[in-house]
């Protein structure tokens, strides 16, 4: 099934090549209906970790190394990497590679700018019914996403806006902070390990709020913050993700540490690592506190682009490919509002 996205710099329509697409379609379109108990086993933590090991450390990894040039297949740009090519000699090392982000992923100087948390394909959305970006209960259930017992945050983000960042397997897999501010809450929510492939997303009701996820709540209205209100950064696991490793560093990758309540975190700094595979980050903003980049919003409705999300959800939902630390929006106050 064809799936297009927009290359941000050129505005060209690009076609995505899915990894393991036949397996995903079998699992979600046949196995779920014919053998629901086996389907539930496949999206469990234990099976997901086992599949992760097979792919990145076991038999499949060995076959990839023996018969394919993984570097060229995944289009790795070694000019960006900290490690020499010969040291990236396993699939796990390739997926967990570090890059010279301070050189190859420049960040806007505007202190009120919001930046992309990952090399990813991005969609925008809003919980406000009068918004042109209104999307209700498509990618996630609002209360389920943040936790039904988190009344403070459910109230804070009521009628707010959100952005979804979908990492594909070949991407750089560190997540960076999209804003600067003070962490005021940090918690995990247990869940399943559904795939992040668009075919799986449109066939599973609200998948991003059913998977295991890590929620970081950041107050940016503090000294040195981005001034975009309270922001939720939700890191969502996926099929074959072994873990989300919290490894914040305010200088390159030095002295990594876990994040926690009370910490001030710098915008653009590394925060976590999906180990390994592909997954999703969801950013949630308070009502009327962020203005998204015009080009990303316009690309959602790009003519002639054929998106699985658009077909599956009955609304134009075309992704834009963005680079980590690139501009995706800003505080409304930075524009004189």
C-alpha atoms as a PDB file:
ATOM      1  CA  UNK A   1       0.000   0.000   0.000  1.00  0.00           C
ATOM      2  CA  UNK A   2       1.556   3.334  -1.080  1.00  0.00           C
ATOM      3  CA  UNK A   3       2.358   5.941   1.560  1.00  0.00           C
ATOM      4  CA  UNK A   4       3.640   9.436   0.771  1.00  0.00           C
ATOM      5  CA  UNK A   5       5.261  12.070   2.935  1.00  0.00           C
ATOM      6  CA  UNK A   6       6.700  15.518   2.179  1.00  0.00           C
ATOM      7  CA  UNK A   7      10.425  16.231   2.212  1.00  0.00           C
ATOM      8  CA  UNK A   8      10.550  19.524   4.078  1.00  0.00           C
ATOM      9  CA  UNK A   9      13.450  21.279   2.345  1.00  0.00           C
ATOM     10  CA  UNK A  10      12.340  20.543  -1.225  1.00  0.00           C
ATOM     11  CA  UNK A  11       8.575  20.034  -0.647  1.00  0.00           C
ATOM     12  CA  UNK A  12       8.830  16.958  -2.872  1.00  0.00           C
ATOM     13  CA  UNK A  13       6.382  14.099  -2.464  1.00  0.00           C
ATOM     14  CA  UNK A  14       8.340  11.051  -1.310  1.00  0.00           C
ATOM     15  CA  UNK A  15       7.241   7.419  -1.119  1.00  0.00           C
ATOM     16  CA  UNK A  16       8.047   5.462   2.037  1.00  0.00           C
ATOM     17  CA  UNK A  17       9.494   1.983   1.900  1.00  0.00           C
ATOM     18  CA  UNK A  18       8.235  -0.022   4.878  1.00  0.00           C
ATOM     19  CA  UNK A  19      10.462  -2.483   6.673  1.00  0.00           C
ATOM     20  CA  UNK A  20       8.725  -5.776   7.401  1.00  0.00           C
ATOM     21  CA  UNK A  21       5.451  -4.498   5.931  1.00  0.00           C
ATOM     22  CA  UNK A  22       4.184  -7.946   4.932  1.00  0.00           C
ATOM     23  CA  UNK A  23       4.669  -9.212   8.479  1.00  0.00           C
ATOM     24  CA  UNK A  24       2.853  -6.177   9.916  1.00  0.00           C
ATOM     25  CA  UNK A  25      -0.073  -6.617   7.543  1.00  0.00           C
ATOM     26  CA  UNK A  26      -0.278 -10.320   8.403  1.00  0.00           C
ATOM     27  CA  UNK A  27      -0.275  -9.590  12.140  1.00  0.00           C
ATOM     28  CA  UNK A  28      -2.799  -6.756  12.038  1.00  0.00           C
ATOM     29  CA  UNK A  29      -5.137  -7.719   9.237  1.00  0.00           C
ATOM     30  CA  UNK A  30      -5.226 -11.510   9.508  1.00  0.00           C
ATOM     31  CA  UNK A  31      -3.788 -12.820  12.736  1.00  0.00           C
ATOM     32  CA  UNK A  32      -5.727 -10.382  14.929  1.00  0.00           C
ATOM     33  CA  UNK A  33      -9.018 -11.611  13.431  1.00  0.00           C
ATOM     34  CA  UNK A  34      -8.173 -15.300  13.159  1.00  0.00           C
ATOM     35  CA  UNK A  35      -6.183 -15.905  16.341  1.00  0.00           C
ATOM     36  CA  UNK A  36      -6.673 -13.096  18.846  1.00  0.00           C
ATOM     37  CA  UNK A  37      -4.835 -14.918  21.669  1.00  0.00           C
ATOM     38  CA  UNK A  38      -1.688 -15.245  19.528  1.00  0.00           C
ATOM     39  CA  UNK A  39      -2.014 -11.604  18.454  1.00  0.00           C
ATOM     40  CA  UNK A  40      -2.056 -10.556  22.127  1.00  0.00           C
ATOM     41  CA  UNK A  41       1.080 -12.630  22.732  1.00  0.00           C
ATOM     42  CA  UNK A  42       2.902 -10.950  19.852  1.00  0.00           C
ATOM     43  CA  UNK A  43       2.315  -7.439  21.210  1.00  0.00           C
ATOM     44  CA  UNK A  44       3.456  -8.387  24.721  1.00  0.00           C
ATOM     45  CA  UNK A  45       6.647  -7.102  26.340  1.00  0.00           C
ATOM     46  CA  UNK A  46       8.291 -10.542  26.433  1.00  0.00           C
ATOM     47  CA  UNK A  47       7.721 -11.326  22.743  1.00  0.00           C
ATOM     48  CA  UNK A  48       8.671  -7.792  21.673  1.00  0.00           C
ATOM     49  CA  UNK A  49      12.004  -8.091  23.494  1.00  0.00           C
ATOM     50  CA  UNK A  50      12.601 -11.530  21.959  1.00  0.00           C
ATOM     51  CA  UNK A  51      11.917 -10.197  18.449  1.00  0.00           C
ATOM     52  CA  UNK A  52      14.189  -7.261  19.175  1.00  0.00           C
ATOM     53  CA  UNK A  53      17.012  -9.628  20.136  1.00  0.00           C
ATOM     54  CA  UNK A  54      16.516 -11.770  17.027  1.00  0.00           C
ATOM     55  CA  UNK A  55      16.600  -8.736  14.749  1.00  0.00           C
ATOM     56  CA  UNK A  56      19.416  -6.726  16.264  1.00  0.00           C
ATOM     57  CA  UNK A  57      21.627  -9.270  18.043  1.00  0.00           C
ATOM     58  CA  UNK A  58      20.679 -12.727  16.795  1.00  0.00           C
ATOM     59  CA  UNK A  59      20.123 -14.702  13.630  1.00  0.00           C
ATOM     60  CA  UNK A  60      18.584 -11.964  11.505  1.00  0.00           C
ATOM     61  CA  UNK A  61      21.338  -9.537  12.449  1.00  0.00           C
ATOM     62  CA  UNK A  62      23.988 -12.057  11.370  1.00  0.00           C
ATOM     63  CA  UNK A  63      22.223 -12.616   8.042  1.00  0.00           C
ATOM     64  CA  UNK A  64      22.009  -8.875   7.480  1.00  0.00           C
ATOM     65  CA  UNK A  65      25.726  -8.503   8.126  1.00  0.00           C
ATOM     66  CA  UNK A  66      26.615 -11.410   5.842  1.00  0.00           C
ATOM     67  CA  UNK A  67      24.442 -10.682   2.826  1.00  0.00           C
ATOM     68  CA  UNK A  68      23.570  -7.012   2.809  1.00  0.00           C
ATOM     69  CA  UNK A  69      25.435  -3.770   3.104  1.00  0.00           C
ATOM     70  CA  UNK A  70      23.399  -2.474   6.047  1.00  0.00           C
ATOM     71  CA  UNK A  71      25.044   0.928   5.904  1.00  0.00           C
ATOM     72  CA  UNK A  72      23.972   1.643   2.348  1.00  0.00           C
ATOM     73  CA  UNK A  73      20.611  -0.087   2.762  1.00  0.00           C
ATOM     74  CA  UNK A  74      19.790   2.236   5.661  1.00  0.00           C
ATOM     75  CA  UNK A  75      21.376   5.257   3.950  1.00  0.00           C
ATOM     76  CA  UNK A  76      23.673   6.078   6.883  1.00  0.00           C
ATOM     77  CA  UNK A  77      25.642   9.328   6.477  1.00  0.00           C
ATOM     78  CA  UNK A  78      28.942   8.605   8.199  1.00  0.00           C
ATOM     79  CA  UNK A  79      29.963  12.255   8.040  1.00  0.00           C
ATOM     80  CA  UNK A  80      27.420  12.807  10.825  1.00  0.00           C
ATOM     81  CA  UNK A  81      28.475   9.898  13.033  1.00  0.00           C
ATOM     82  CA  UNK A  82      30.805  10.102  16.008  1.00  0.00           C
ATOM     83  CA  UNK A  83      31.984   6.513  15.467  1.00  0.00           C
ATOM     84  CA  UNK A  84      34.059   5.393  12.508  1.00  0.00           C
ATOM     85  CA  UNK A  85      32.160   3.228   9.968  1.00  0.00           C
ATOM     86  CA  UNK A  86      34.140   0.096  10.868  1.00  0.00           C
ATOM     87  CA  UNK A  87      32.991   0.406  14.475  1.00  0.00           C
ATOM     88  CA  UNK A  88      29.318   0.440  13.467  1.00  0.00           C
ATOM     89  CA  UNK A  89      29.493  -3.251  12.628  1.00  0.00           C
ATOM     90  CA  UNK A  90      26.217  -4.565  14.064  1.00  0.00           C
ATOM     91  CA  UNK A  91      22.606  -3.562  13.563  1.00  0.00           C
ATOM     92  CA  UNK A  92      22.315  -2.586  17.224  1.00  0.00           C
ATOM     93  CA  UNK A  93      25.327  -0.275  16.989  1.00  0.00           C
ATOM     94  CA  UNK A  94      23.923   1.279  13.812  1.00  0.00           C
ATOM     95  CA  UNK A  95      20.540   1.954  15.392  1.00  0.00           C
ATOM     96  CA  UNK A  96      22.098   3.337  18.579  1.00  0.00           C
ATOM     97  CA  UNK A  97      24.641   5.522  16.788  1.00  0.00           C
ATOM     98  CA  UNK A  98      25.550   8.987  18.044  1.00  0.00           C
ATOM     99  CA  UNK A  99      25.907  11.943  15.704  1.00  0.00           C
ATOM    100  CA  UNK A 100      27.587  15.344  15.795  1.00  0.00           C
ATOM    101  CA  UNK A 101      24.217  16.980  16.287  1.00  0.00           C
ATOM    102  CA  UNK A 102      25.800  20.261  17.369  1.00  0.00           C
ATOM    103  CA  UNK A 103      27.196  20.491  13.817  1.00  0.00           C
ATOM    104  CA  UNK A 104      24.741  18.604  11.571  1.00  0.00           C
ATOM    105  CA  UNK A 105      21.460  19.424  13.347  1.00  0.00           C
ATOM    106  CA  UNK A 106      21.602  23.205  13.914  1.00  0.00           C
ATOM    107  CA  UNK A 107      19.009  24.762  16.204  1.00  0.00           C
ATOM    108  CA  UNK A 108      17.247  28.150  15.742  1.00  0.00           C
ATOM    109  CA  UNK A 109      18.554  30.994  17.904  1.00  0.00           C
ATOM    110  CA  UNK A 110      15.074  32.158  18.932  1.00  0.00           C
ATOM    111  CA  UNK A 111      14.686  31.273  22.658  1.00  0.00           C
ATOM    112  CA  UNK A 112      10.910  30.926  22.118  1.00  0.00           C
ATOM    113  CA  UNK A 113      11.268  28.422  19.269  1.00  0.00           C
ATOM    114  CA  UNK A 114      10.022  24.847  19.696  1.00  0.00           C
ATOM    115  CA  UNK A 115      12.172  22.242  17.931  1.00  0.00           C
ATOM    116  CA  UNK A 116      11.633  18.688  16.681  1.00  0.00           C
ATOM    117  CA  UNK A 117      12.498  16.011  19.269  1.00  0.00           C
ATOM    118  CA  UNK A 118      13.653  13.474  16.670  1.00  0.00           C
ATOM    119  CA  UNK A 119      14.593  12.766  13.072  1.00  0.00           C
ATOM    120  CA  UNK A 120      11.078  11.751  12.132  1.00  0.00           C
ATOM    121  CA  UNK A 121       7.918  12.175  10.076  1.00  0.00           C
ATOM    122  CA  UNK A 122       5.596  14.676  11.691  1.00  0.00           C
ATOM    123  CA  UNK A 123       1.858  15.341  11.901  1.00  0.00           C
ATOM    124  CA  UNK A 124      -0.006  18.120  13.704  1.00  0.00           C
ATOM    125  CA  UNK A 125      -3.303  17.972  15.559  1.00  0.00           C
ATOM    126  CA  UNK A 126      -5.611  19.878  17.866  1.00  0.00           C
ATOM    127  CA  UNK A 127      -8.203  18.995  20.504  1.00  0.00           C
ATOM    128  CA  UNK A 128     -10.178  22.157  19.641  1.00  0.00           C
ATOM    129  CA  UNK A 129     -13.217  21.373  17.507  1.00  0.00           C
ATOM    130  CA  UNK A 130     -13.056  24.748  15.715  1.00  0.00           C
ATOM    131  CA  UNK A 131      -9.448  24.151  14.637  1.00  0.00           C
ATOM    132  CA  UNK A 132      -8.537  23.112  11.106  1.00  0.00           C
ATOM    133  CA  UNK A 133      -6.178  20.590  12.731  1.00  0.00           C
ATOM    134  CA  UNK A 134      -8.907  18.977  14.865  1.00  0.00           C
ATOM    135  CA  UNK A 135      -8.397  15.219  15.120  1.00  0.00           C
ATOM    136  CA  UNK A 136     -10.547  13.296  17.598  1.00  0.00           C
ATOM    137  CA  UNK A 137      -9.633   9.860  18.921  1.00  0.00           C
ATOM    138  CA  UNK A 138      -7.650   8.804  15.856  1.00  0.00           C
ATOM    139  CA  UNK A 139      -4.084   8.259  17.024  1.00  0.00           C
ATOM    140  CA  UNK A 140      -4.763   8.178  20.744  1.00  0.00           C
ATOM    141  CA  UNK A 141      -7.425   8.543  23.392  1.00  0.00           C
ATOM    142  CA  UNK A 142      -6.729  11.796  25.268  1.00  0.00           C
ATOM    143  CA  UNK A 143      -7.346  10.604  28.823  1.00  0.00           C
ATOM    144  CA  UNK A 144      -5.760   7.229  28.202  1.00  0.00           C
ATOM    145  CA  UNK A 145      -2.677   8.886  26.713  1.00  0.00           C
ATOM    146  CA  UNK A 146      -1.737  10.916  29.783  1.00  0.00           C
ATOM    147  CA  UNK A 147      -3.268   8.522  32.317  1.00  0.00           C
ATOM    148  CA  UNK A 148      -6.888   8.628  33.442  1.00  0.00           C
ATOM    149  CA  UNK A 149      -5.793   9.363  37.023  1.00  0.00           C
ATOM    150  CA  UNK A 150      -3.705  12.399  36.022  1.00  0.00           C
ATOM    151  CA  UNK A 151      -6.479  14.958  36.471  1.00  0.00           C
ATOM    152  CA  UNK A 152      -4.071  17.898  36.829  1.00  0.00           C
ATOM    153  CA  UNK A 153      -2.525  17.323  33.415  1.00  0.00           C
ATOM    154  CA  UNK A 154      -5.794  16.347  31.729  1.00  0.00           C
ATOM    155  CA  UNK A 155      -7.158  19.713  32.838  1.00  0.00           C
ATOM    156  CA  UNK A 156      -3.988  21.622  31.885  1.00  0.00           C
ATOM    157  CA  UNK A 157      -3.981  20.316  28.297  1.00  0.00           C
ATOM    158  CA  UNK A 158      -7.747  20.514  27.709  1.00  0.00           C
ATOM    159  CA  UNK A 159      -8.429  21.800  24.155  1.00  0.00           C
ATOM    160  CA  UNK A 160      -4.721  22.061  23.521  1.00  0.00           C
ATOM    161  CA  UNK A 161      -2.643  21.093  20.476  1.00  0.00           C
ATOM    162  CA  UNK A 162      -0.310  18.220  19.733  1.00  0.00           C
ATOM    163  CA  UNK A 163       2.331  16.962  17.320  1.00  0.00           C
ATOM    164  CA  UNK A 164       3.208  13.342  16.459  1.00  0.00           C
ATOM    165  CA  UNK A 165       6.751  12.366  15.471  1.00  0.00           C
ATOM    166  CA  UNK A 166       7.095   8.908  13.915  1.00  0.00           C
ATOM    167  CA  UNK A 167      10.610   7.465  13.785  1.00  0.00           C
ATOM    168  CA  UNK A 168      11.331   4.980  11.007  1.00  0.00           C
ATOM    169  CA  UNK A 169      13.901   2.197  11.552  1.00  0.00           C
ATOM    170  CA  UNK A 170      16.793   3.812   9.688  1.00  0.00           C
ATOM    171  CA  UNK A 171      16.598   7.062  11.672  1.00  0.00           C
ATOM    172  CA  UNK A 172      18.933   8.378  14.328  1.00  0.00           C
ATOM    173  CA  UNK A 173      17.223   7.084  17.489  1.00  0.00           C
ATOM    174  CA  UNK A 174      18.069   9.573  20.196  1.00  0.00           C
ATOM    175  CA  UNK A 175      15.277  11.885  21.318  1.00  0.00           C
ATOM    176  CA  UNK A 176      16.175  15.490  22.152  1.00  0.00           C
ATOM    177  CA  UNK A 177      14.360  18.088  24.249  1.00  0.00           C
ATOM    178  CA  UNK A 178      11.991  20.189  22.086  1.00  0.00           C
ATOM    179  CA  UNK A 179      11.770  22.899  24.752  1.00  0.00           C
ATOM    180  CA  UNK A 180      13.735  24.238  27.715  1.00  0.00           C
ATOM    181  CA  UNK A 181      12.236  24.259  31.176  1.00  0.00           C
ATOM    182  CA  UNK A 182      11.810  22.539  34.527  1.00  0.00           C
ATOM    183  CA  UNK A 183      10.514  18.970  34.762  1.00  0.00           C
ATOM    184  CA  UNK A 184       7.497  18.976  37.079  1.00  0.00           C
ATOM    185  CA  UNK A 185       6.393  15.370  36.593  1.00  0.00           C
ATOM    186  CA  UNK A 186       7.867  12.176  35.160  1.00  0.00           C
ATOM    187  CA  UNK A 187       6.114   8.804  35.068  1.00  0.00           C
ATOM    188  CA  UNK A 188       5.653   5.593  33.073  1.00  0.00           C
ATOM    189  CA  UNK A 189       2.392   4.012  31.923  1.00  0.00           C
ATOM    190  CA  UNK A 190       2.385   0.256  31.180  1.00  0.00           C
ATOM    191  CA  UNK A 191       0.907  -1.042  27.958  1.00  0.00           C
ATOM    192  CA  UNK A 192       1.293  -3.163  24.845  1.00  0.00           C
ATOM    193  CA  UNK A 193       3.937  -3.107  22.088  1.00  0.00           C
ATOM    194  CA  UNK A 194       1.990  -2.372  18.910  1.00  0.00           C
ATOM    195  CA  UNK A 195       3.908  -1.540  15.717  1.00  0.00           C
ATOM    196  CA  UNK A 196       4.256   2.093  14.592  1.00  0.00           C
ATOM    197  CA  UNK A 197       3.875   1.213  10.906  1.00  0.00           C
ATOM    198  CA  UNK A 198       0.990   3.312   9.440  1.00  0.00           C
ATOM    199  CA  UNK A 199      -0.784   0.123   8.349  1.00  0.00           C
ATOM    200  CA  UNK A 200      -0.830  -0.987  11.987  1.00  0.00           C
ATOM    201  CA  UNK A 201      -1.822   2.458  13.264  1.00  0.00           C
ATOM    202  CA  UNK A 202      -4.955   2.742  11.127  1.00  0.00           C
ATOM    203  CA  UNK A 203      -6.044  -0.803  11.994  1.00  0.00           C
ATOM    204  CA  UNK A 204      -5.689  -0.421  15.789  1.00  0.00           C
ATOM    205  CA  UNK A 205      -7.937   2.013  17.655  1.00  0.00           C
ATOM    206  CA  UNK A 206      -5.843   4.699  19.445  1.00  0.00           C
ATOM    207  CA  UNK A 207      -2.584   2.696  19.386  1.00  0.00           C
ATOM    208  CA  UNK A 208      -0.287   5.363  20.831  1.00  0.00           C
ATOM    209  CA  UNK A 209      -2.268   5.449  24.075  1.00  0.00           C
ATOM    210  CA  UNK A 210      -2.351   1.656  24.346  1.00  0.00           C
ATOM    211  CA  UNK A 211       1.406   1.116  24.153  1.00  0.00           C
ATOM    212  CA  UNK A 212       3.828   1.429  27.045  1.00  0.00           C
ATOM    213  CA  UNK A 213       4.988   5.041  27.296  1.00  0.00           C
ATOM    214  CA  UNK A 214       7.061   7.472  29.316  1.00  0.00           C
ATOM    215  CA  UNK A 215       5.539  10.883  30.099  1.00  0.00           C
ATOM    216  CA  UNK A 216       7.644  13.941  30.916  1.00  0.00           C
ATOM    217  CA  UNK A 217       5.827  17.147  31.936  1.00  0.00           C
ATOM    218  CA  UNK A 218       7.888  20.326  31.485  1.00  0.00           C
ATOM    219  CA  UNK A 219       7.086  23.829  32.731  1.00  0.00           C
ATOM    220  CA  UNK A 220       8.635  26.202  30.203  1.00  0.00           C
ATOM    221  CA  UNK A 221       7.369  29.397  31.888  1.00  0.00           C
ATOM    222  CA  UNK A 222      10.462  29.577  34.089  1.00  0.00           C
ATOM    223  CA  UNK A 223      13.675  31.544  33.844  1.00  0.00           C
ATOM    224  CA  UNK A 224      15.570  30.296  30.801  1.00  0.00           C
ATOM    225  CA  UNK A 225      12.528  28.399  29.537  1.00  0.00           C
ATOM    226  CA  UNK A 226      10.888  28.464  26.106  1.00  0.00           C
ATOM    227  CA  UNK A 227       7.783  30.339  27.406  1.00  0.00           C
ATOM    228  CA  UNK A 228       5.303  28.022  25.733  1.00  0.00           C
ATOM    229  CA  UNK A 229       3.459  26.947  28.860  1.00  0.00           C
ATOM    230  CA  UNK A 230       3.356  23.423  30.230  1.00  0.00           C
ATOM    231  CA  UNK A 231       4.402  20.787  27.697  1.00  0.00           C
ATOM    232  CA  UNK A 232       3.990  16.996  27.776  1.00  0.00           C
ATOM    233  CA  UNK A 233       6.571  14.871  25.982  1.00  0.00           C
ATOM    234  CA  UNK A 234       5.262  11.317  25.582  1.00  0.00           C
ATOM    235  CA  UNK A 235       7.712   8.670  24.372  1.00  0.00           C
ATOM    236  CA  UNK A 236       5.835   5.642  23.035  1.00  0.00           C
ATOM    237  CA  UNK A 237       7.369   2.182  22.640  1.00  0.00           C
ATOM    238  CA  UNK A 238       6.642  -0.018  19.653  1.00  0.00           C
ATOM    239  CA  UNK A 239       7.021  -3.594  18.452  1.00  0.00           C
ATOM    240  CA  UNK A 240      10.651  -4.734  18.871  1.00  0.00           C
ATOM    241  CA  UNK A 241      11.569  -1.801  21.119  1.00  0.00           C
ATOM    242  CA  UNK A 242      13.482  -3.246  24.044  1.00  0.00           C
ATOM    243  CA  UNK A 243      13.448  -0.125  26.183  1.00  0.00           C
ATOM    244  CA  UNK A 244      13.437   3.664  26.387  1.00  0.00           C
ATOM    245  CA  UNK A 245      16.708   4.641  28.043  1.00  0.00           C
ATOM    246  CA  UNK A 246      16.715   8.037  29.766  1.00  0.00           C
ATOM    247  CA  UNK A 247      20.161   9.536  29.150  1.00  0.00           C
ATOM    248  CA  UNK A 248      19.967  13.327  29.415  1.00  0.00           C
ATOM    249  CA  UNK A 249      23.176  15.267  28.786  1.00  0.00           C
ATOM    250  CA  UNK A 250      23.498  19.042  28.625  1.00  0.00           C
ATOM    251  CA  UNK A 251      26.807  18.804  26.726  1.00  0.00           C
ATOM    252  CA  UNK A 252      26.920  16.517  23.716  1.00  0.00           C
ATOM    253  CA  UNK A 253      26.563  12.973  25.142  1.00  0.00           C
ATOM    254  CA  UNK A 254      28.774  13.465  28.190  1.00  0.00           C
ATOM    255  CA  UNK A 255      27.812  12.215  31.662  1.00  0.00           C
ATOM    256  CA  UNK A 256      24.343  10.894  30.726  1.00  0.00           C
ATOM    257  CA  UNK A 257      21.774  10.801  33.523  1.00  0.00           C
ATOM    258  CA  UNK A 258      18.162   9.830  34.005  1.00  0.00           C
ATOM    259  CA  UNK A 259      15.664  12.683  34.034  1.00  0.00           C
ATOM    260  CA  UNK A 260      13.527  13.429  37.053  1.00  0.00           C
ATOM    261  CA  UNK A 261      11.237  15.916  38.723  1.00  0.00           C
ATOM    262  CA  UNK A 262      12.898  19.223  39.593  1.00  0.00           C
ATOM    263  CA  UNK A 263      15.560  19.127  36.854  1.00  0.00           C
ATOM    264  CA  UNK A 264      16.019  22.047  34.464  1.00  0.00           C
ATOM    265  CA  UNK A 265      16.590  20.677  30.964  1.00  0.00           C
ATOM    266  CA  UNK A 266      18.064  22.486  27.968  1.00  0.00           C
ATOM    267  CA  UNK A 267      16.305  22.662  24.623  1.00  0.00           C
ATOM    268  CA  UNK A 268      18.003  20.544  21.955  1.00  0.00           C
ATOM    269  CA  UNK A 269      19.926  18.373  24.405  1.00  0.00           C
ATOM    270  CA  UNK A 270      19.745  14.550  24.169  1.00  0.00           C
ATOM    271  CA  UNK A 271      17.105  13.132  26.522  1.00  0.00           C
ATOM    272  CA  UNK A 272      16.535   9.462  25.719  1.00  0.00           C
ATOM    273  CA  UNK A 273      17.220   6.597  23.349  1.00  0.00           C
ATOM    274  CA  UNK A 274      14.797   4.110  21.815  1.00  0.00           C
ATOM    275  CA  UNK A 275      16.659   0.808  22.142  1.00  0.00           C
ATOM    276  CA  UNK A 276      16.438  -0.190  19.272  1.00  0.00           C
ATOM    277  CA  UNK A 277      14.002  -0.047  16.313  1.00  0.00           C
ATOM    278  CA  UNK A 278      11.370   2.561  15.499  1.00  0.00           C
ATOM    279  CA  UNK A 279       8.828   4.338  17.648  1.00  0.00           C
ATOM    280  CA  UNK A 280       6.877   7.558  18.252  1.00  0.00           C
ATOM    281  CA  UNK A 281       7.068  10.760  20.279  1.00  0.00           C
ATOM    282  CA  UNK A 282       3.914  12.791  20.978  1.00  0.00           C
ATOM    283  CA  UNK A 283       4.159  16.414  22.140  1.00  0.00           C
ATOM    284  CA  UNK A 284       1.088  17.964  23.803  1.00  0.00           C
ATOM    285  CA  UNK A 285       0.753  21.732  24.331  1.00  0.00           C
ATOM    286  CA  UNK A 286      -1.690  23.894  26.262  1.00  0.00           C
ATOM    287  CA  UNK A 287      -4.422  25.772  24.432  1.00  0.00           C
ATOM    288  CA  UNK A 288      -3.248  28.865  22.544  1.00  0.00           C
ATOM    289  CA  UNK A 289       0.374  28.551  23.662  1.00  0.00           C
ATOM    290  CA  UNK A 290       2.062  27.334  20.466  1.00  0.00           C
ATOM    291  CA  UNK A 291       1.949  28.335  16.821  1.00  0.00           C
ATOM    292  CA  UNK A 292       3.152  25.570  14.545  1.00  0.00           C
ATOM    293  CA  UNK A 293       5.320  26.248  11.489  1.00  0.00           C
ATOM    294  CA  UNK A 294       3.192  27.265   8.501  1.00  0.00           C
ATOM    295  CA  UNK A 295       4.877  24.896   6.069  1.00  0.00           C
ATOM    296  CA  UNK A 296       4.275  21.818   8.237  1.00  0.00           C
ATOM    297  CA  UNK A 297       0.626  22.761   8.719  1.00  0.00           C
ATOM    298  CA  UNK A 298       0.182  23.336   4.964  1.00  0.00           C
ATOM    299  CA  UNK A 299       1.854  20.027   4.077  1.00  0.00           C
ATOM    300  CA  UNK A 300      -0.857  18.141   5.984  1.00  0.00           C
ATOM    301  CA  UNK A 301      -3.207  18.998   3.106  1.00  0.00           C
ATOM    302  CA  UNK A 302      -0.667  18.640   0.301  1.00  0.00           C
ATOM    303  CA  UNK A 303      -2.440  17.865  -2.999  1.00  0.00           C
ATOM    304  CA  UNK A 304      -1.576  14.626  -4.817  1.00  0.00           C
ATOM    305  CA  UNK A 305       0.106  13.107  -1.738  1.00  0.00           C
ATOM    306  CA  UNK A 306      -1.376   9.674  -0.980  1.00  0.00           C
ATOM    307  CA  UNK A 307      -1.185   8.915   2.746  1.00  0.00           C
ATOM    308  CA  UNK A 308      -2.295   5.751   4.544  1.00  0.00           C
ATOM    309  CA  UNK A 309      -3.344   7.978   7.437  1.00  0.00           C
ATOM    310  CA  UNK A 310      -5.545  10.059   5.130  1.00  0.00           C
ATOM    311  CA  UNK A 311      -7.234   6.975   3.699  1.00  0.00           C
ATOM    312  CA  UNK A 312      -7.578   5.261   7.052  1.00  0.00           C
ATOM    313  CA  UNK A 313      -8.935   8.211   9.021  1.00  0.00           C
ATOM    314  CA  UNK A 314     -10.901  10.034   6.312  1.00  0.00           C
ATOM    315  CA  UNK A 315      -9.041  13.332   6.744  1.00  0.00           C
ATOM    316  CA  UNK A 316      -5.998  14.763   4.967  1.00  0.00           C
ATOM    317  CA  UNK A 317      -3.043  13.711   7.120  1.00  0.00           C
ATOM    318  CA  UNK A 318       0.207  14.002   5.177  1.00  0.00           C
ATOM    319  CA  UNK A 319       3.440  13.826   7.159  1.00  0.00           C
ATOM    320  CA  UNK A 320       6.444  16.129   6.823  1.00  0.00           C
ATOM    321  CA  UNK A 321       9.938  14.761   7.327  1.00  0.00           C
ATOM    322  CA  UNK A 322      11.780  16.879   9.908  1.00  0.00           C
ATOM    323  CA  UNK A 323      15.251  16.852  11.428  1.00  0.00           C
ATOM    324  CA  UNK A 324      15.848  16.759  15.156  1.00  0.00           C
ATOM    325  CA  UNK A 325      16.368  20.258  16.656  1.00  0.00           C
ATOM    326  CA  UNK A 326      14.835  21.973  13.593  1.00  0.00           C
ATOM    327  CA  UNK A 327      12.182  24.671  14.011  1.00  0.00           C
ATOM    328  CA  UNK A 328       8.603  23.376  14.207  1.00  0.00           C
ATOM    329  CA  UNK A 329       6.834  26.227  16.034  1.00  0.00           C
ATOM    330  CA  UNK A 330       7.111  28.929  18.665  1.00  0.00           C
ATOM    331  CA  UNK A 331       5.472  30.470  21.656  1.00  0.00           C
ATOM    332  CA  UNK A 332       2.579  32.689  20.606  1.00  0.00           C
ATOM    333  CA  UNK A 333       4.050  35.392  22.846  1.00  0.00           C
ATOM    334  CA  UNK A 334       7.193  35.495  20.708  1.00  0.00           C
ATOM    335  CA  UNK A 335       5.033  36.761  17.841  1.00  0.00           C
ATOM    336  CA  UNK A 336       3.534  39.641  19.793  1.00  0.00           C
ATOM    337  CA  UNK A 337       0.206  37.947  20.580  1.00  0.00           C
END
